[in-house]
């Protein structure tokens, strides 16, 4: 049984991610925990000032969120009729990241699936702030589903690496599971830049040949400033349905989150993005 955490703020893109999750895992026995995290300071308004003195703002917010999650679950059950899926409602009153970490530990969550929402024009960025923070600070694999992305069979999944660390099958088990679910073809994109380590690339090739023997390997040399555009173009040119990578120090993902926002305006992807944490990231 898989345990999946689905954070929601009841926005259109977060509901879309929930639907994507249930379709992606339609043939798997799953416990889905739908989570809404409330923060009082964000909701104090003129409407709240009219709440009767016998009802606290806290209980009003919690009750409304619980009702909204119940409605989501009812809609999913009505449309999908999937006996393999069990749904659970959680409403928390806490810091967003702390709540996700605590619930992930308590329920032994295997995967977090959440939506992303980008702006338009010069405000366009790769991820919304909540999704970025979850990827950075949570120790559970995260699948980010772009706003408006609809589930289709994942024929091609790309995994990109610049070989900072050696891999283990435990780290990539989620990727392996998704490949098996969809009978997907894996494309491994080896990115060589100033952090490229040839010795570890050779050792990782042995790893890939052992655990992903059918994968296609592509190798590119790229300047750091062109890395995002290069990977983006690779996704387009190869009709990639999902991108995956490990979060490592000095990796593509690490630099994505540390670079100035102006440098990431022009880069966006419109396919789901799976991020797993390296077992060596905190060593």
Protein backbone atom coordinates (compact mmCIF):
# COMPACT_ATOMS: atom_id res chain seq x y z
CA UNK A 1 0.00 0.00 0.00
CA UNK A 2 1.21 3.50 -0.87
CA UNK A 3 0.65 6.46 1.41
CA UNK A 4 0.28 9.73 -0.48
CA UNK A 5 0.08 13.23 0.98
CA UNK A 6 -1.91 15.78 -1.01
CA UNK A 7 -1.56 19.35 0.31
CA UNK A 8 -4.32 21.69 -0.83
CA UNK A 9 -5.27 25.32 -0.41
CA UNK A 10 -8.47 24.61 -2.39
CA UNK A 11 -7.14 26.49 -5.40
CA UNK A 12 -7.81 25.21 -8.90
CA UNK A 13 -4.24 24.01 -9.39
CA UNK A 14 -4.14 22.12 -6.07
CA UNK A 15 -7.41 20.35 -6.88
CA UNK A 16 -6.00 19.49 -10.29
CA UNK A 17 -2.96 17.90 -8.60
CA UNK A 18 -5.25 15.77 -6.43
CA UNK A 19 -7.09 14.52 -9.50
CA UNK A 20 -3.76 13.87 -11.23
CA UNK A 21 -2.59 11.81 -8.25
CA UNK A 22 -5.65 9.58 -8.20
CA UNK A 23 -5.38 8.93 -11.94
CA UNK A 24 -1.64 8.31 -11.84
CA UNK A 25 -2.15 5.74 -9.06
CA UNK A 26 -5.49 4.38 -10.23
CA UNK A 27 -4.25 0.78 -10.18
CA UNK A 28 -2.44 1.05 -6.85
CA UNK A 29 -3.82 0.44 -3.37
CA UNK A 30 -3.35 3.84 -1.74
CA UNK A 31 -4.14 5.86 1.35
CA UNK A 32 -4.52 9.49 0.32
CA UNK A 33 -4.18 12.11 3.05
CA UNK A 34 -5.64 15.42 1.88
CA UNK A 35 -4.10 18.19 3.97
CA UNK A 36 -5.04 21.81 4.44
CA UNK A 37 -2.88 23.98 6.67
CA UNK A 38 -4.50 27.06 8.13
CA UNK A 39 -2.72 30.19 9.27
CA UNK A 40 -4.88 32.63 11.20
CA UNK A 41 -3.11 35.83 10.19
CA UNK A 42 -3.86 35.15 6.53
CA UNK A 43 -7.60 34.96 7.07
CA UNK A 44 -8.49 37.78 9.43
CA UNK A 45 -10.87 40.02 7.48
CA UNK A 46 -14.03 42.04 7.82
CA UNK A 47 -16.02 38.85 7.32
CA UNK A 48 -14.30 37.27 10.31
CA UNK A 49 -15.03 40.27 12.47
CA UNK A 50 -18.72 39.51 12.11
CA UNK A 51 -18.35 36.01 13.60
CA UNK A 52 -20.34 35.69 16.81
CA UNK A 53 -18.42 35.99 20.04
CA UNK A 54 -19.18 32.35 20.89
CA UNK A 55 -17.34 31.12 17.81
CA UNK A 56 -13.60 31.54 17.51
CA UNK A 57 -11.86 32.37 14.26
CA UNK A 58 -9.91 29.16 14.72
CA UNK A 59 -12.94 26.88 14.84
CA UNK A 60 -14.58 28.71 11.94
CA UNK A 61 -11.55 28.25 9.72
CA UNK A 62 -11.04 24.62 10.69
CA UNK A 63 -14.69 23.71 10.18
CA UNK A 64 -14.78 25.39 6.77
CA UNK A 65 -11.61 23.60 5.68
CA UNK A 66 -12.90 20.23 6.87
CA UNK A 67 -16.10 20.76 4.92
CA UNK A 68 -14.15 21.66 1.79
CA UNK A 69 -12.01 18.53 2.03
CA UNK A 70 -15.13 16.41 2.58
CA UNK A 71 -16.58 17.87 -0.60
CA UNK A 72 -13.38 17.06 -2.52
CA UNK A 73 -13.41 13.46 -1.29
CA UNK A 74 -17.11 13.04 -2.10
CA UNK A 75 -16.51 14.30 -5.63
CA UNK A 76 -13.59 11.91 -6.16
CA UNK A 77 -15.55 8.92 -4.91
CA UNK A 78 -18.56 9.83 -7.03
CA UNK A 79 -16.57 10.12 -10.26
CA UNK A 80 -13.93 7.43 -9.84
CA UNK A 81 -15.51 4.55 -7.90
CA UNK A 82 -12.07 3.17 -7.06
CA UNK A 83 -12.14 0.66 -4.21
CA UNK A 84 -8.33 0.68 -4.09
CA UNK A 85 -8.27 4.25 -2.83
CA UNK A 86 -8.95 5.36 0.72
CA UNK A 87 -9.16 9.07 1.57
CA UNK A 88 -8.41 10.82 4.84
CA UNK A 89 -8.97 14.45 5.80
CA UNK A 90 -6.44 16.47 7.80
CA UNK A 91 -6.76 20.13 8.73
CA UNK A 92 -3.85 21.58 10.65
CA UNK A 93 -3.21 24.95 12.26
CA UNK A 94 0.54 25.22 11.97
CA UNK A 95 3.53 26.30 9.91
CA UNK A 96 3.12 24.80 6.44
CA UNK A 97 6.45 22.96 6.24
CA UNK A 98 6.36 21.81 9.87
CA UNK A 99 2.90 20.39 9.32
CA UNK A 100 3.92 18.47 6.20
CA UNK A 101 7.02 17.04 7.90
CA UNK A 102 5.10 15.98 11.00
CA UNK A 103 2.31 14.33 9.02
CA UNK A 104 4.81 12.65 6.69
CA UNK A 105 6.59 11.13 9.68
CA UNK A 106 3.41 10.15 11.50
CA UNK A 107 1.80 8.39 8.54
CA UNK A 108 5.02 7.22 6.84
CA UNK A 109 4.20 9.07 3.65
CA UNK A 110 5.77 7.64 0.48
CA UNK A 111 5.15 10.58 -1.85
CA UNK A 112 3.88 14.16 -1.70
CA UNK A 113 1.92 15.29 -4.77
CA UNK A 114 1.07 18.96 -5.04
CA UNK A 115 0.22 21.58 -7.61
CA UNK A 116 2.30 24.46 -8.83
CA UNK A 117 1.05 27.81 -9.98
CA UNK A 118 3.07 30.13 -12.15
CA UNK A 119 2.33 33.73 -13.08
CA UNK A 120 2.53 35.17 -16.57
CA UNK A 121 4.92 37.47 -18.37
CA UNK A 122 7.99 38.59 -16.47
CA UNK A 123 6.59 37.14 -13.26
CA UNK A 124 6.86 33.62 -14.64
CA UNK A 125 8.88 31.31 -12.39
CA UNK A 126 9.37 27.57 -12.23
CA UNK A 127 7.55 26.84 -8.98
CA UNK A 128 5.27 28.49 -6.51
CA UNK A 129 6.94 29.30 -3.21
CA UNK A 130 5.19 26.55 -1.23
CA UNK A 131 6.20 23.85 -3.69
CA UNK A 132 9.79 25.08 -3.72
CA UNK A 133 9.96 25.07 0.07
CA UNK A 134 8.56 21.56 0.27
CA UNK A 135 11.18 20.34 -2.19
CA UNK A 136 13.93 22.03 -0.21
CA UNK A 137 12.90 21.19 3.33
CA UNK A 138 10.91 17.94 3.29
CA UNK A 139 12.53 14.51 3.24
CA UNK A 140 9.82 12.76 1.23
CA UNK A 141 9.79 12.56 -2.59
CA UNK A 142 7.74 15.37 -4.12
CA UNK A 143 5.84 15.28 -7.41
CA UNK A 144 4.99 18.81 -8.57
CA UNK A 145 2.10 18.98 -11.04
CA UNK A 146 1.99 22.14 -13.18
CA UNK A 147 -1.16 24.22 -13.27
CA UNK A 148 -3.53 22.79 -15.87
CA UNK A 149 -1.59 19.56 -16.44
CA UNK A 150 -3.89 16.61 -17.14
CA UNK A 151 -2.85 13.03 -16.56
CA UNK A 152 -1.94 11.02 -19.63
CA UNK A 153 0.07 7.81 -19.76
CA UNK A 154 3.69 8.67 -19.05
CA UNK A 155 5.40 7.24 -22.09
CA UNK A 156 8.74 9.01 -21.53
CA UNK A 157 10.30 10.02 -18.23
CA UNK A 158 13.61 11.87 -18.08
CA UNK A 159 16.03 11.71 -15.16
CA UNK A 160 18.72 14.37 -15.20
CA UNK A 161 21.98 14.24 -13.27
CA UNK A 162 25.41 15.83 -13.12
CA UNK A 163 26.85 13.05 -10.92
CA UNK A 164 27.61 14.93 -7.73
CA UNK A 165 27.03 11.81 -5.64
CA UNK A 166 26.66 8.08 -6.21
CA UNK A 167 23.09 6.83 -6.41
CA UNK A 168 21.29 4.09 -4.51
CA UNK A 169 18.19 2.20 -5.56
CA UNK A 170 16.48 3.31 -2.33
CA UNK A 171 16.75 6.93 -3.48
CA UNK A 172 15.23 6.17 -6.86
CA UNK A 173 12.59 3.67 -5.79
CA UNK A 174 9.76 6.18 -6.34
CA UNK A 175 10.99 6.81 -9.87
CA UNK A 176 11.24 3.07 -10.48
CA UNK A 177 7.68 2.58 -9.20
CA UNK A 178 6.26 5.28 -11.50
CA UNK A 179 8.12 3.80 -14.47
CA UNK A 180 6.60 0.40 -13.71
CA UNK A 181 3.09 1.79 -13.26
CA UNK A 182 3.12 3.38 -16.70
CA UNK A 183 5.47 1.01 -18.49
CA UNK A 184 7.43 4.18 -19.24
CA UNK A 185 10.67 4.56 -21.15
CA UNK A 186 13.44 6.15 -19.07
CA UNK A 187 15.77 8.73 -20.60
CA UNK A 188 18.81 9.56 -18.50
CA UNK A 189 20.24 12.98 -19.29
CA UNK A 190 23.86 13.24 -18.17
CA UNK A 191 24.73 16.92 -17.80
CA UNK A 192 28.43 17.79 -17.75
CA UNK A 193 29.36 21.16 -16.26
CA UNK A 194 32.03 22.54 -13.94
CA UNK A 195 30.89 20.15 -11.19
CA UNK A 196 31.04 17.11 -13.45
CA UNK A 197 32.97 14.18 -11.98
CA UNK A 198 33.96 11.54 -14.54
CA UNK A 199 34.77 8.86 -11.96
CA UNK A 200 31.35 9.05 -10.36
CA UNK A 201 29.72 9.08 -13.79
CA UNK A 202 31.34 5.73 -14.57
CA UNK A 203 30.22 4.29 -11.22
CA UNK A 204 26.70 5.60 -11.71
CA UNK A 205 26.61 4.10 -15.20
CA UNK A 206 27.15 0.69 -13.59
CA UNK A 207 24.25 1.49 -11.26
CA UNK A 208 21.93 2.46 -14.13
CA UNK A 209 22.90 -0.59 -16.16
CA UNK A 210 22.01 -2.78 -13.19
CA UNK A 211 18.70 -1.23 -12.13
CA UNK A 212 17.52 0.54 -15.31
CA UNK A 213 19.02 -1.58 -18.10
CA UNK A 214 16.51 -0.45 -20.75
CA UNK A 215 17.18 3.27 -20.25
CA UNK A 216 18.38 5.53 -23.04
CA UNK A 217 21.43 7.66 -22.15
CA UNK A 218 22.04 11.14 -23.54
CA UNK A 219 25.11 13.22 -22.72
CA UNK A 220 25.41 16.99 -22.99
CA UNK A 221 28.05 19.57 -22.07
CA UNK A 222 26.58 22.86 -21.00
CA UNK A 223 27.57 26.13 -19.37
CA UNK A 224 25.98 26.78 -16.02
CA UNK A 225 24.09 29.82 -17.31
CA UNK A 226 22.53 27.75 -20.10
CA UNK A 227 21.64 24.68 -18.06
CA UNK A 228 17.97 25.45 -17.42
CA UNK A 229 17.26 26.31 -21.03
CA UNK A 230 19.14 23.22 -22.22
CA UNK A 231 17.12 20.85 -20.02
CA UNK A 232 13.91 22.63 -20.97
CA UNK A 233 14.71 22.20 -24.66
CA UNK A 234 15.55 18.54 -24.12
CA UNK A 235 12.07 18.01 -22.64
CA UNK A 236 10.48 19.60 -25.68
CA UNK A 237 12.66 17.90 -28.30
CA UNK A 238 12.15 14.42 -26.83
CA UNK A 239 8.43 14.70 -25.93
CA UNK A 240 9.20 14.02 -22.26
CA UNK A 241 6.12 13.48 -20.08
CA UNK A 242 7.80 13.79 -16.67
CA UNK A 243 11.11 15.15 -15.41
CA UNK A 244 12.89 13.69 -12.38
CA UNK A 245 16.06 14.41 -10.46
CA UNK A 246 17.74 14.04 -7.10
CA UNK A 247 18.20 17.06 -4.90
CA UNK A 248 21.95 17.32 -4.36
CA UNK A 249 24.32 20.09 -3.39
CA UNK A 250 25.58 21.86 -6.54
CA UNK A 251 22.98 20.06 -8.65
CA UNK A 252 20.61 21.52 -11.20
CA UNK A 253 17.89 21.72 -8.55
CA UNK A 254 20.16 23.23 -5.92
CA UNK A 255 21.19 26.03 -8.24
CA UNK A 256 17.61 26.51 -9.34
CA UNK A 257 16.66 27.53 -5.82
CA UNK A 258 19.75 29.60 -5.02
CA UNK A 259 20.00 31.66 -8.19
CA UNK A 260 18.50 35.12 -8.27
CA UNK A 261 14.85 35.09 -9.36
CA UNK A 262 15.60 37.24 -12.40
CA UNK A 263 17.67 34.41 -13.83
CA UNK A 264 14.79 31.93 -13.66
CA UNK A 265 12.02 34.10 -15.11
CA UNK A 266 12.33 32.69 -18.60
CA UNK A 267 12.48 29.04 -17.56
CA UNK A 268 9.40 26.95 -16.97
CA UNK A 269 8.32 23.39 -17.60
CA UNK A 270 4.84 22.14 -18.25
CA UNK A 271 5.36 18.49 -17.29
CA UNK A 272 5.22 16.98 -13.80
CA UNK A 273 8.50 17.20 -11.90
CA UNK A 274 9.58 14.47 -9.46
CA UNK A 275 12.24 15.39 -6.89
CA UNK A 276 13.79 12.97 -4.43
CA UNK A 277 16.33 13.85 -1.80
CA UNK A 278 19.83 12.46 -1.92
CA UNK A 279 20.76 10.29 1.05
CA UNK A 280 24.01 12.25 1.21
CA UNK A 281 22.51 15.75 1.10
CA UNK A 282 22.92 16.34 4.81
CA UNK A 283 26.31 14.69 5.16
